[in-house]
Amino acid sequence: MAQMEFFIVDVFTIGRKYTGNQLAVYLGNPPTALMQQLAKEINFSEITFVTSETPQNGGYNTRIFMPEVEVDFAGHPVLGTAYIIQRELIGAPVAELTLNLPIGQIPVAFGADDVLWMRQNPPRFGHQFSAEDLARVLNIDAADIDPRFPIIEVSTGLPFVLVPVVSLEALQRAWVNLDRLRALLGAHEAIGPAVFCRETIHDKNDIHVRVLDDIYGAPEDPATGSAGGCIAAYMLEYGYFAESELRLRAEQGYQIGRPSLLHLRAQREAGEMAIYVGGQVELVAQGRLAAD
């Protein structure tokens, strides 16, 4: 097999390397089994493969792998992969490019202040859960969960159970009982809970988020664009900020030493919800896969 180039980037950074969520991007189309082996070897929350060097039907074919499974969509892999495509395959500034994923085409825009923006699919709202069930999963008290808003499964491409809590202290105290999580989600699509509150570490941010998606081999995600889109849709749908158009700064990753910043936008356009998630990307390293 010919050697493949790969790149390591940090996505949703706070403006510098070694923050945000790590991603490895491979340029090539090896056998699926090797893709999964490389995901396990790198052991980031996700890695991607750009399998077409030129656009196909207007976009670049891309596959996303967690350490244990391939997924149809994930947030930070979209932005990080778009950054590498622009830098390495296009080689010139562009206003926008598109990734072809199993869930469909995802456009990525290159905005001001080095922020890349993706438009996610319109949200789907699913099963609602009880505070008692999620409290048992998260090892917190039911009283720690905000009773004004539902605990519900939401997806803009990758589904999560959204859990609003009343304080940062409760959010920091949470940890997942994996057996209880698997039992609770066994009949549902969600990969894990996305837990959030309005109290933040930094005053300029609007919400604090933790994503505890241990089912697929990543115990806690440093920055989760797919969950961020779900949270933005949820907050617009249920009036979390009592506003008809949202522009939010979401902090994440502080409990695991990877501080991250996600920009979230949500509004209604032409009868459906328009969800945008943005963040900065930093190149960390590049190399070639060793020949077998």
C-alpha atoms as a PDB file:
ATOM      1  CA  MET A   1       0.000   0.000   0.000  1.00  0.00           C
ATOM      2  CA  ALA A   2       1.276   3.484  -0.871  1.00  0.00           C
ATOM      3  CA  GLN A   3       2.161   5.677   2.069  1.00  0.00           C
ATOM      4  CA  MET A   4      -0.607   8.021   3.210  1.00  0.00           C
ATOM      5  CA  GLU A   5      -0.096  11.537   4.416  1.00  0.00           C
ATOM      6  CA  PHE A   6      -1.761  12.443   7.683  1.00  0.00           C
ATOM      7  CA  PHE A   7      -2.202  15.610   9.690  1.00  0.00           C
ATOM      8  CA  ILE A   8      -2.972  16.205  13.353  1.00  0.00           C
ATOM      9  CA  VAL A   9      -5.038  19.267  14.134  1.00  0.00           C
ATOM     10  CA  ASP A  10      -6.724  20.734  17.196  1.00  0.00           C
ATOM     11  CA  VAL A  11     -10.326  21.837  16.607  1.00  0.00           C
ATOM     12  CA  PHE A  12     -12.439  24.267  18.649  1.00  0.00           C
ATOM     13  CA  THR A  13      -9.308  25.714  20.189  1.00  0.00           C
ATOM     14  CA  ILE A  14      -9.159  28.761  22.429  1.00  0.00           C
ATOM     15  CA  GLY A  15      -6.737  30.361  19.948  1.00  0.00           C
ATOM     16  CA  ARG A  16      -3.680  28.200  20.505  1.00  0.00           C
ATOM     17  CA  LYS A  17      -2.416  24.653  19.980  1.00  0.00           C
ATOM     18  CA  TYR A  18      -2.946  21.879  22.505  1.00  0.00           C
ATOM     19  CA  THR A  19      -6.469  23.029  23.309  1.00  0.00           C
ATOM     20  CA  GLY A  20      -9.728  21.922  21.732  1.00  0.00           C
ATOM     21  CA  ASN A  21     -10.315  18.432  20.370  1.00  0.00           C
ATOM     22  CA  GLN A  22      -7.590  16.421  18.630  1.00  0.00           C
ATOM     23  CA  LEU A  23      -8.150  15.020  15.167  1.00  0.00           C
ATOM     24  CA  ALA A  24      -6.047  13.001  12.744  1.00  0.00           C
ATOM     25  CA  VAL A  25      -6.886  13.519   9.057  1.00  0.00           C
ATOM     26  CA  TYR A  26      -5.634  10.963   6.520  1.00  0.00           C
ATOM     27  CA  LEU A  27      -5.534  11.655   2.785  1.00  0.00           C
ATOM     28  CA  GLY A  28      -6.255   8.305   1.167  1.00  0.00           C
ATOM     29  CA  ASN A  29      -8.678   5.425   0.826  1.00  0.00           C
ATOM     30  CA  PRO A  30      -7.257   2.305   2.494  1.00  0.00           C
ATOM     31  CA  PRO A  31      -9.358  -0.767   3.320  1.00  0.00           C
ATOM     32  CA  THR A  32     -12.043  -0.169   5.921  1.00  0.00           C
ATOM     33  CA  ALA A  33     -10.400  -2.597   8.337  1.00  0.00           C
ATOM     34  CA  LEU A  34      -7.195  -0.525   8.286  1.00  0.00           C
ATOM     35  CA  MET A  35      -9.155   2.676   8.823  1.00  0.00           C
ATOM     36  CA  GLN A  36     -10.625   1.189  11.979  1.00  0.00           C
ATOM     37  CA  GLN A  37      -7.222  -0.087  13.116  1.00  0.00           C
ATOM     38  CA  LEU A  38      -5.738   3.380  12.691  1.00  0.00           C
ATOM     39  CA  ALA A  39      -8.583   4.912  14.700  1.00  0.00           C
ATOM     40  CA  LYS A  40      -7.758   2.486  17.505  1.00  0.00           C
ATOM     41  CA  GLU A  41      -4.019   3.182  17.151  1.00  0.00           C
ATOM     42  CA  ILE A  42      -4.368   6.970  17.278  1.00  0.00           C
ATOM     43  CA  ASN A  43      -7.083   6.686  19.964  1.00  0.00           C
ATOM     44  CA  PHE A  44      -8.468  10.187  19.505  1.00  0.00           C
ATOM     45  CA  SER A  45     -12.225  10.556  19.834  1.00  0.00           C
ATOM     46  CA  GLU A  46     -12.347  10.502  16.003  1.00  0.00           C
ATOM     47  CA  ILE A  47     -10.119  10.376  12.949  1.00  0.00           C
ATOM     48  CA  THR A  48     -11.081  10.990   9.325  1.00  0.00           C
ATOM     49  CA  PHE A  49     -10.148   9.822   5.846  1.00  0.00           C
ATOM     50  CA  VAL A  50     -10.526  12.074   2.809  1.00  0.00           C
ATOM     51  CA  THR A  51     -11.035   9.443   0.136  1.00  0.00           C
ATOM     52  CA  SER A  52     -11.299  11.764  -2.898  1.00  0.00           C
ATOM     53  CA  GLU A  53      -8.586  14.258  -3.823  1.00  0.00           C
ATOM     54  CA  THR A  54     -11.005  16.252  -5.976  1.00  0.00           C
ATOM     55  CA  PRO A  55     -14.693  17.085  -5.465  1.00  0.00           C
ATOM     56  CA  GLN A  56     -17.212  14.366  -6.228  1.00  0.00           C
ATOM     57  CA  ASN A  57     -20.746  15.685  -6.836  1.00  0.00           C
ATOM     58  CA  GLY A  58     -19.626  18.999  -5.412  1.00  0.00           C
ATOM     59  CA  GLY A  59     -17.959  17.702  -2.248  1.00  0.00           C
ATOM     60  CA  TYR A  60     -15.028  15.735  -0.855  1.00  0.00           C
ATOM     61  CA  ASN A  61     -15.815  12.163   0.158  1.00  0.00           C
ATOM     62  CA  THR A  62     -14.994  11.706   3.842  1.00  0.00           C
ATOM     63  CA  ARG A  63     -15.297   8.893   6.388  1.00  0.00           C
ATOM     64  CA  ILE A  64     -15.183   9.302  10.171  1.00  0.00           C
ATOM     65  CA  PHE A  65     -14.055   6.680  12.686  1.00  0.00           C
ATOM     66  CA  MET A  66     -14.168   6.527  16.471  1.00  0.00           C
ATOM     67  CA  PRO A  67     -11.774   4.047  18.148  1.00  0.00           C
ATOM     68  CA  GLU A  68     -14.433   1.330  18.090  1.00  0.00           C
ATOM     69  CA  VAL A  69     -16.807   2.171  15.245  1.00  0.00           C
ATOM     70  CA  GLU A  70     -17.375   4.216  12.082  1.00  0.00           C
ATOM     71  CA  VAL A  71     -19.917   7.040  12.459  1.00  0.00           C
ATOM     72  CA  ASP A  72     -21.998   8.908   9.891  1.00  0.00           C
ATOM     73  CA  PHE A  73     -21.306  12.367  11.318  1.00  0.00           C
ATOM     74  CA  ALA A  74     -19.320  14.161  14.013  1.00  0.00           C
ATOM     75  CA  GLY A  75     -18.717  17.836  14.565  1.00  0.00           C
ATOM     76  CA  HIS A  76     -15.039  18.588  15.103  1.00  0.00           C
ATOM     77  CA  PRO A  77     -13.969  16.104  12.372  1.00  0.00           C
ATOM     78  CA  VAL A  78     -15.958  18.128   9.825  1.00  0.00           C
ATOM     79  CA  LEU A  79     -14.201  21.403  10.634  1.00  0.00           C
ATOM     80  CA  GLY A  80     -10.738  19.864  11.011  1.00  0.00           C
ATOM     81  CA  THR A  81     -11.047  17.917   7.774  1.00  0.00           C
ATOM     82  CA  ALA A  82     -12.269  20.991   5.883  1.00  0.00           C
ATOM     83  CA  TYR A  83      -9.253  22.908   7.172  1.00  0.00           C
ATOM     84  CA  ILE A  84      -6.856  20.248   5.812  1.00  0.00           C
ATOM     85  CA  ILE A  85      -8.694  19.996   2.477  1.00  0.00           C
ATOM     86  CA  GLN A  86      -8.400  23.746   1.978  1.00  0.00           C
ATOM     87  CA  ARG A  87      -4.754  23.775   3.047  1.00  0.00           C
ATOM     88  CA  GLU A  88      -3.457  20.628   1.337  1.00  0.00           C
ATOM     89  CA  LEU A  89      -5.767  19.707  -1.547  1.00  0.00           C
ATOM     90  CA  ILE A  90      -7.080  23.085  -2.711  1.00  0.00           C
ATOM     91  CA  GLY A  91      -4.026  25.080  -1.659  1.00  0.00           C
ATOM     92  CA  ALA A  92      -5.712  28.469  -1.859  1.00  0.00           C
ATOM     93  CA  PRO A  93      -8.242  30.473   0.166  1.00  0.00           C
ATOM     94  CA  VAL A  94     -11.878  29.546  -0.434  1.00  0.00           C
ATOM     95  CA  ALA A  95     -15.107  30.912   0.998  1.00  0.00           C
ATOM     96  CA  GLU A  96     -16.709  27.486   1.386  1.00  0.00           C
ATOM     97  CA  LEU A  97     -16.277  23.807   0.639  1.00  0.00           C
ATOM     98  CA  THR A  98     -18.438  20.730   1.143  1.00  0.00           C
ATOM     99  CA  LEU A  99     -17.841  17.336   2.734  1.00  0.00           C
ATOM    100  CA  ASN A 100     -19.756  14.296   1.489  1.00  0.00           C
ATOM    101  CA  LEU A 101     -20.732  12.226   4.535  1.00  0.00           C
ATOM    102  CA  PRO A 102     -23.126   9.274   4.906  1.00  0.00           C
ATOM    103  CA  ILE A 103     -25.752  11.661   6.346  1.00  0.00           C
ATOM    104  CA  GLY A 104     -25.449  13.935   3.313  1.00  0.00           C
ATOM    105  CA  GLN A 105     -23.452  16.956   2.228  1.00  0.00           C
ATOM    106  CA  ILE A 106     -22.189  19.279   4.980  1.00  0.00           C
ATOM    107  CA  PRO A 107     -21.020  22.747   3.848  1.00  0.00           C
ATOM    108  CA  VAL A 108     -18.197  24.451   5.744  1.00  0.00           C
ATOM    109  CA  ALA A 109     -17.622  28.210   5.468  1.00  0.00           C
ATOM    110  CA  PHE A 110     -14.345  29.976   6.235  1.00  0.00           C
ATOM    111  CA  GLY A 111     -15.345  33.004   8.280  1.00  0.00           C
ATOM    112  CA  ALA A 112     -13.778  35.958  10.027  1.00  0.00           C
ATOM    113  CA  ASP A 113     -11.362  35.622  12.942  1.00  0.00           C
ATOM    114  CA  ASP A 114     -10.173  32.221  11.590  1.00  0.00           C
ATOM    115  CA  VAL A 115     -13.481  30.594  12.558  1.00  0.00           C
ATOM    116  CA  LEU A 116     -14.758  27.755  10.369  1.00  0.00           C
ATOM    117  CA  TRP A 117     -18.542  27.255  10.332  1.00  0.00           C
ATOM    118  CA  MET A 118     -20.571  24.180   9.461  1.00  0.00           C
ATOM    119  CA  ARG A 119     -24.307  24.135   8.874  1.00  0.00           C
ATOM    120  CA  GLN A 120     -25.747  21.027  10.461  1.00  0.00           C
ATOM    121  CA  ASN A 121     -28.902  19.190   9.503  1.00  0.00           C
ATOM    122  CA  PRO A 122     -32.238  20.327  10.976  1.00  0.00           C
ATOM    123  CA  PRO A 123     -32.734  18.768  14.421  1.00  0.00           C
ATOM    124  CA  ARG A 124     -34.780  15.702  15.254  1.00  0.00           C
ATOM    125  CA  PHE A 125     -36.268  15.521  18.749  1.00  0.00           C
ATOM    126  CA  GLY A 126     -36.811  12.037  20.138  1.00  0.00           C
ATOM    127  CA  HIS A 127     -37.439  10.196  23.371  1.00  0.00           C
ATOM    128  CA  GLN A 128     -37.740  12.034  26.690  1.00  0.00           C
ATOM    129  CA  PHE A 129     -36.114  10.633  29.845  1.00  0.00           C
ATOM    130  CA  SER A 130     -36.765  11.115  33.538  1.00  0.00           C
ATOM    131  CA  ALA A 131     -34.508  13.105  35.852  1.00  0.00           C
ATOM    132  CA  GLU A 132     -34.228  10.071  38.110  1.00  0.00           C
ATOM    133  CA  ASP A 133     -32.890   7.859  35.298  1.00  0.00           C
ATOM    134  CA  LEU A 134     -30.238  10.380  34.220  1.00  0.00           C
ATOM    135  CA  ALA A 135     -29.273  11.156  37.811  1.00  0.00           C
ATOM    136  CA  ARG A 136     -28.495   7.462  38.311  1.00  0.00           C
ATOM    137  CA  VAL A 137     -26.424   7.385  35.123  1.00  0.00           C
ATOM    138  CA  LEU A 138     -24.515  10.579  35.981  1.00  0.00           C
ATOM    139  CA  ASN A 139     -24.119   9.919  39.711  1.00  0.00           C
ATOM    140  CA  ILE A 140     -25.762  13.195  40.662  1.00  0.00           C
ATOM    141  CA  ASP A 141     -29.014  13.977  42.462  1.00  0.00           C
ATOM    142  CA  ALA A 142     -32.273  14.399  40.563  1.00  0.00           C
ATOM    143  CA  ALA A 143     -32.460  17.852  42.170  1.00  0.00           C
ATOM    144  CA  ASP A 144     -29.273  18.781  40.273  1.00  0.00           C
ATOM    145  CA  ILE A 145     -31.192  18.559  36.984  1.00  0.00           C
ATOM    146  CA  ASP A 146     -33.069  21.679  35.904  1.00  0.00           C
ATOM    147  CA  PRO A 147     -36.806  20.846  36.089  1.00  0.00           C
ATOM    148  CA  ARG A 148     -37.813  23.686  33.744  1.00  0.00           C
ATOM    149  CA  PHE A 149     -36.529  21.920  30.630  1.00  0.00           C
ATOM    150  CA  PRO A 150     -36.860  18.383  29.229  1.00  0.00           C
ATOM    151  CA  ILE A 151     -34.236  15.665  29.175  1.00  0.00           C
ATOM    152  CA  ILE A 152     -34.526  14.564  25.575  1.00  0.00           C
ATOM    153  CA  GLU A 153     -32.759  12.829  22.731  1.00  0.00           C
ATOM    154  CA  VAL A 154     -31.777  15.300  19.981  1.00  0.00           C
ATOM    155  CA  SER A 155     -29.882  14.793  16.739  1.00  0.00           C
ATOM    156  CA  THR A 156     -28.527  17.084  14.023  1.00  0.00           C
ATOM    157  CA  GLY A 157     -26.596  14.131  12.605  1.00  0.00           C
ATOM    158  CA  LEU A 158     -25.351  12.311  15.699  1.00  0.00           C
ATOM    159  CA  PRO A 159     -27.837  11.872  18.576  1.00  0.00           C
ATOM    160  CA  PHE A 160     -27.251  12.783  22.228  1.00  0.00           C
ATOM    161  CA  VAL A 161     -29.370  12.884  25.355  1.00  0.00           C
ATOM    162  CA  LEU A 162     -29.406  16.534  26.460  1.00  0.00           C
ATOM    163  CA  VAL A 163     -29.356  17.075  30.220  1.00  0.00           C
ATOM    164  CA  PRO A 164     -29.716  20.606  31.673  1.00  0.00           C
ATOM    165  CA  VAL A 165     -28.306  20.942  35.179  1.00  0.00           C
ATOM    166  CA  VAL A 166     -28.686  23.781  37.661  1.00  0.00           C
ATOM    167  CA  SER A 167     -25.049  24.588  38.476  1.00  0.00           C
ATOM    168  CA  LEU A 168     -21.457  24.260  37.382  1.00  0.00           C
ATOM    169  CA  GLU A 169     -20.688  22.419  40.612  1.00  0.00           C
ATOM    170  CA  ALA A 170     -23.229  19.715  39.750  1.00  0.00           C
ATOM    171  CA  LEU A 171     -21.872  19.478  36.222  1.00  0.00           C
ATOM    172  CA  GLN A 172     -18.297  19.076  37.449  1.00  0.00           C
ATOM    173  CA  ARG A 173     -19.414  16.390  39.895  1.00  0.00           C
ATOM    174  CA  ALA A 174     -21.007  14.210  37.214  1.00  0.00           C
ATOM    175  CA  TRP A 175     -19.423  10.966  36.059  1.00  0.00           C
ATOM    176  CA  VAL A 176     -20.952   8.149  34.025  1.00  0.00           C
ATOM    177  CA  ASN A 177     -21.893   4.722  35.298  1.00  0.00           C
ATOM    178  CA  LEU A 178     -21.290   2.921  32.024  1.00  0.00           C
ATOM    179  CA  ASP A 179     -23.449  -0.120  32.804  1.00  0.00           C
ATOM    180  CA  ARG A 180     -26.410   2.102  33.658  1.00  0.00           C
ATOM    181  CA  LEU A 181     -25.800   4.229  30.563  1.00  0.00           C
ATOM    182  CA  ARG A 182     -25.775   1.194  28.283  1.00  0.00           C
ATOM    183  CA  ALA A 183     -28.941  -0.151  29.889  1.00  0.00           C
ATOM    184  CA  LEU A 184     -30.722   3.188  29.519  1.00  0.00           C
ATOM    185  CA  LEU A 185     -29.699   3.844  25.914  1.00  0.00           C
ATOM    186  CA  GLY A 186     -29.946   0.274  24.660  1.00  0.00           C
ATOM    187  CA  ALA A 187     -33.273   0.905  22.931  1.00  0.00           C
ATOM    188  CA  HIS A 188     -32.346   4.377  21.685  1.00  0.00           C
ATOM    189  CA  GLU A 189     -30.004   5.960  19.125  1.00  0.00           C
ATOM    190  CA  ALA A 190     -28.152   8.414  21.388  1.00  0.00           C
ATOM    191  CA  ILE A 191     -24.462   7.713  21.984  1.00  0.00           C
ATOM    192  CA  GLY A 192     -24.299   9.437  25.355  1.00  0.00           C
ATOM    193  CA  PRO A 193     -25.346  12.413  27.491  1.00  0.00           C
ATOM    194  CA  ALA A 194     -24.466  16.035  26.740  1.00  0.00           C
ATOM    195  CA  VAL A 195     -24.780  17.852  30.048  1.00  0.00           C
ATOM    196  CA  PHE A 196     -24.805  21.657  30.293  1.00  0.00           C
ATOM    197  CA  CYS A 197     -25.556  24.664  32.476  1.00  0.00           C
ATOM    198  CA  ARG A 198     -25.615  28.457  32.245  1.00  0.00           C
ATOM    199  CA  GLU A 199     -22.894  28.935  34.855  1.00  0.00           C
ATOM    200  CA  THR A 200     -19.454  29.194  33.227  1.00  0.00           C
ATOM    201  CA  ILE A 201     -15.786  29.308  34.151  1.00  0.00           C
ATOM    202  CA  HIS A 202     -15.210  32.396  31.983  1.00  0.00           C
ATOM    203  CA  ASP A 203     -17.686  35.273  32.148  1.00  0.00           C
ATOM    204  CA  LYS A 204     -17.568  35.958  28.406  1.00  0.00           C
ATOM    205  CA  ASN A 205     -18.948  32.477  27.669  1.00  0.00           C
ATOM    206  CA  ASP A 206     -22.649  31.581  27.783  1.00  0.00           C
ATOM    207  CA  ILE A 207     -22.790  27.889  28.690  1.00  0.00           C
ATOM    208  CA  HIS A 208     -20.553  25.164  30.074  1.00  0.00           C
ATOM    209  CA  VAL A 209     -20.799  21.718  28.448  1.00  0.00           C
ATOM    210  CA  ARG A 210     -19.577  18.212  29.165  1.00  0.00           C
ATOM    211  CA  VAL A 211     -20.131  15.282  26.777  1.00  0.00           C
ATOM    212  CA  LEU A 212     -19.736  11.914  28.472  1.00  0.00           C
ATOM    213  CA  ASP A 213     -19.990   9.491  25.546  1.00  0.00           C
ATOM    214  CA  ASP A 214     -18.097   6.513  26.923  1.00  0.00           C
ATOM    215  CA  ILE A 215     -20.007   3.904  24.912  1.00  0.00           C
ATOM    216  CA  TYR A 216     -17.744   4.155  21.841  1.00  0.00           C
ATOM    217  CA  GLY A 217     -14.394   4.395  23.589  1.00  0.00           C
ATOM    218  CA  ALA A 218     -14.032   8.119  24.393  1.00  0.00           C
ATOM    219  CA  PRO A 219     -14.881   8.619  28.105  1.00  0.00           C
ATOM    220  CA  GLU A 220     -15.202  12.404  27.842  1.00  0.00           C
ATOM    221  CA  ASP A 221     -14.974  14.528  24.725  1.00  0.00           C
ATOM    222  CA  PRO A 222     -12.928  17.748  24.855  1.00  0.00           C
ATOM    223  CA  ALA A 223     -15.131  19.566  22.317  1.00  0.00           C
ATOM    224  CA  THR A 224     -18.166  18.168  20.540  1.00  0.00           C
ATOM    225  CA  GLY A 225     -19.527  20.009  17.539  1.00  0.00           C
ATOM    226  CA  SER A 226     -22.296  17.486  16.924  1.00  0.00           C
ATOM    227  CA  ALA A 227     -23.560  17.874  20.493  1.00  0.00           C
ATOM    228  CA  GLY A 228     -23.117  21.637  20.227  1.00  0.00           C
ATOM    229  CA  GLY A 229     -25.544  21.731  17.312  1.00  0.00           C
ATOM    230  CA  CYS A 230     -28.034  19.639  19.275  1.00  0.00           C
ATOM    231  CA  ILE A 231     -27.714  21.974  22.264  1.00  0.00           C
ATOM    232  CA  ALA A 232     -28.256  25.074  20.116  1.00  0.00           C
ATOM    233  CA  ALA A 233     -31.383  23.522  18.584  1.00  0.00           C
ATOM    234  CA  TYR A 234     -32.663  22.476  22.014  1.00  0.00           C
ATOM    235  CA  MET A 235     -32.161  25.942  23.466  1.00  0.00           C
ATOM    236  CA  LEU A 236     -34.023  27.559  20.593  1.00  0.00           C
ATOM    237  CA  GLU A 237     -36.849  24.990  20.691  1.00  0.00           C
ATOM    238  CA  TYR A 238     -37.440  25.174  24.439  1.00  0.00           C
ATOM    239  CA  GLY A 239     -36.679  28.846  25.034  1.00  0.00           C
ATOM    240  CA  TYR A 240     -33.656  28.259  27.238  1.00  0.00           C
ATOM    241  CA  PHE A 241     -32.560  31.877  26.731  1.00  0.00           C
ATOM    242  CA  ALA A 242     -36.041  33.149  25.750  1.00  0.00           C
ATOM    243  CA  GLU A 243     -34.667  34.472  22.454  1.00  0.00           C
ATOM    244  CA  SER A 244     -35.735  33.811  18.854  1.00  0.00           C
ATOM    245  CA  GLU A 245     -32.168  33.862  17.535  1.00  0.00           C
ATOM    246  CA  LEU A 246     -29.166  32.485  19.402  1.00  0.00           C
ATOM    247  CA  ARG A 247     -25.493  33.438  19.250  1.00  0.00           C
ATOM    248  CA  LEU A 248     -23.681  31.505  21.975  1.00  0.00           C
ATOM    249  CA  ARG A 249     -20.175  30.756  23.199  1.00  0.00           C
ATOM    250  CA  ALA A 250     -19.912  27.260  24.688  1.00  0.00           C
ATOM    251  CA  GLU A 251     -16.918  26.236  26.806  1.00  0.00           C
ATOM    252  CA  GLN A 252     -15.998  22.562  27.135  1.00  0.00           C
ATOM    253  CA  GLY A 253     -13.083  20.272  27.997  1.00  0.00           C
ATOM    254  CA  TYR A 254     -11.872  21.961  31.186  1.00  0.00           C
ATOM    255  CA  GLN A 255     -12.263  18.852  33.362  1.00  0.00           C
ATOM    256  CA  ILE A 256      -9.841  16.924  31.173  1.00  0.00           C
ATOM    257  CA  GLY A 257      -7.278  19.661  30.557  1.00  0.00           C
ATOM    258  CA  ARG A 258      -8.345  20.495  26.978  1.00  0.00           C
ATOM    259  CA  PRO A 259     -10.140  23.860  27.224  1.00  0.00           C
ATOM    260  CA  SER A 260     -12.274  24.449  24.158  1.00  0.00           C
ATOM    261  CA  LEU A 261     -14.557  27.071  22.650  1.00  0.00           C
ATOM    262  CA  LEU A 262     -17.500  26.391  20.345  1.00  0.00           C
ATOM    263  CA  HIS A 263     -19.538  29.113  18.632  1.00  0.00           C
ATOM    264  CA  LEU A 264     -23.215  28.166  18.278  1.00  0.00           C
ATOM    265  CA  ARG A 265     -25.907  29.827  16.179  1.00  0.00           C
ATOM    266  CA  ALA A 266     -29.558  28.842  15.874  1.00  0.00           C
ATOM    267  CA  GLN A 267     -32.499  30.502  14.174  1.00  0.00           C
ATOM    268  CA  ARG A 268     -35.549  29.631  12.120  1.00  0.00           C
ATOM    269  CA  GLU A 269     -35.264  30.047   8.352  1.00  0.00           C
ATOM    270  CA  ALA A 270     -37.930  29.185   5.781  1.00  0.00           C
ATOM    271  CA  GLY A 271     -39.918  27.075   8.216  1.00  0.00           C
ATOM    272  CA  GLU A 272     -37.058  25.013   9.629  1.00  0.00           C
ATOM    273  CA  MET A 273     -34.320  25.429  12.177  1.00  0.00           C
ATOM    274  CA  ALA A 274     -30.920  26.539  10.857  1.00  0.00           C
ATOM    275  CA  ILE A 275     -28.071  25.317  13.067  1.00  0.00           C
ATOM    276  CA  TYR A 276     -24.483  26.516  12.717  1.00  0.00           C
ATOM    277  CA  VAL A 277     -21.440  25.464  14.748  1.00  0.00           C
ATOM    278  CA  GLY A 278     -18.094  27.209  14.460  1.00  0.00           C
ATOM    279  CA  GLY A 279     -14.593  27.043  15.846  1.00  0.00           C
ATOM    280  CA  GLN A 280     -10.907  27.652  15.252  1.00  0.00           C
ATOM    281  CA  VAL A 281      -8.457  24.997  13.984  1.00  0.00           C
ATOM    282  CA  GLU A 282      -4.706  24.751  14.618  1.00  0.00           C
ATOM    283  CA  LEU A 283      -2.267  22.487  12.765  1.00  0.00           C
ATOM    284  CA  VAL A 284      -0.117  20.505  15.217  1.00  0.00           C
ATOM    285  CA  ALA A 285       1.791  17.887  13.191  1.00  0.00           C
ATOM    286  CA  GLN A 286       1.998  16.046   9.904  1.00  0.00           C
ATOM    287  CA  GLY A 287       3.625  12.891   8.614  1.00  0.00           C
ATOM    288  CA  ARG A 288       3.279   9.717   6.586  1.00  0.00           C
ATOM    289  CA  LEU A 289       1.924   6.334   7.522  1.00  0.00           C
ATOM    290  CA  ALA A 290       4.774   3.802   7.629  1.00  0.00           C
ATOM    291  CA  ALA A 291       4.657   1.186   4.884  1.00  0.00           C
ATOM    292  CA  ASP A 292       3.673  -2.356   5.908  1.00  0.00           C
END
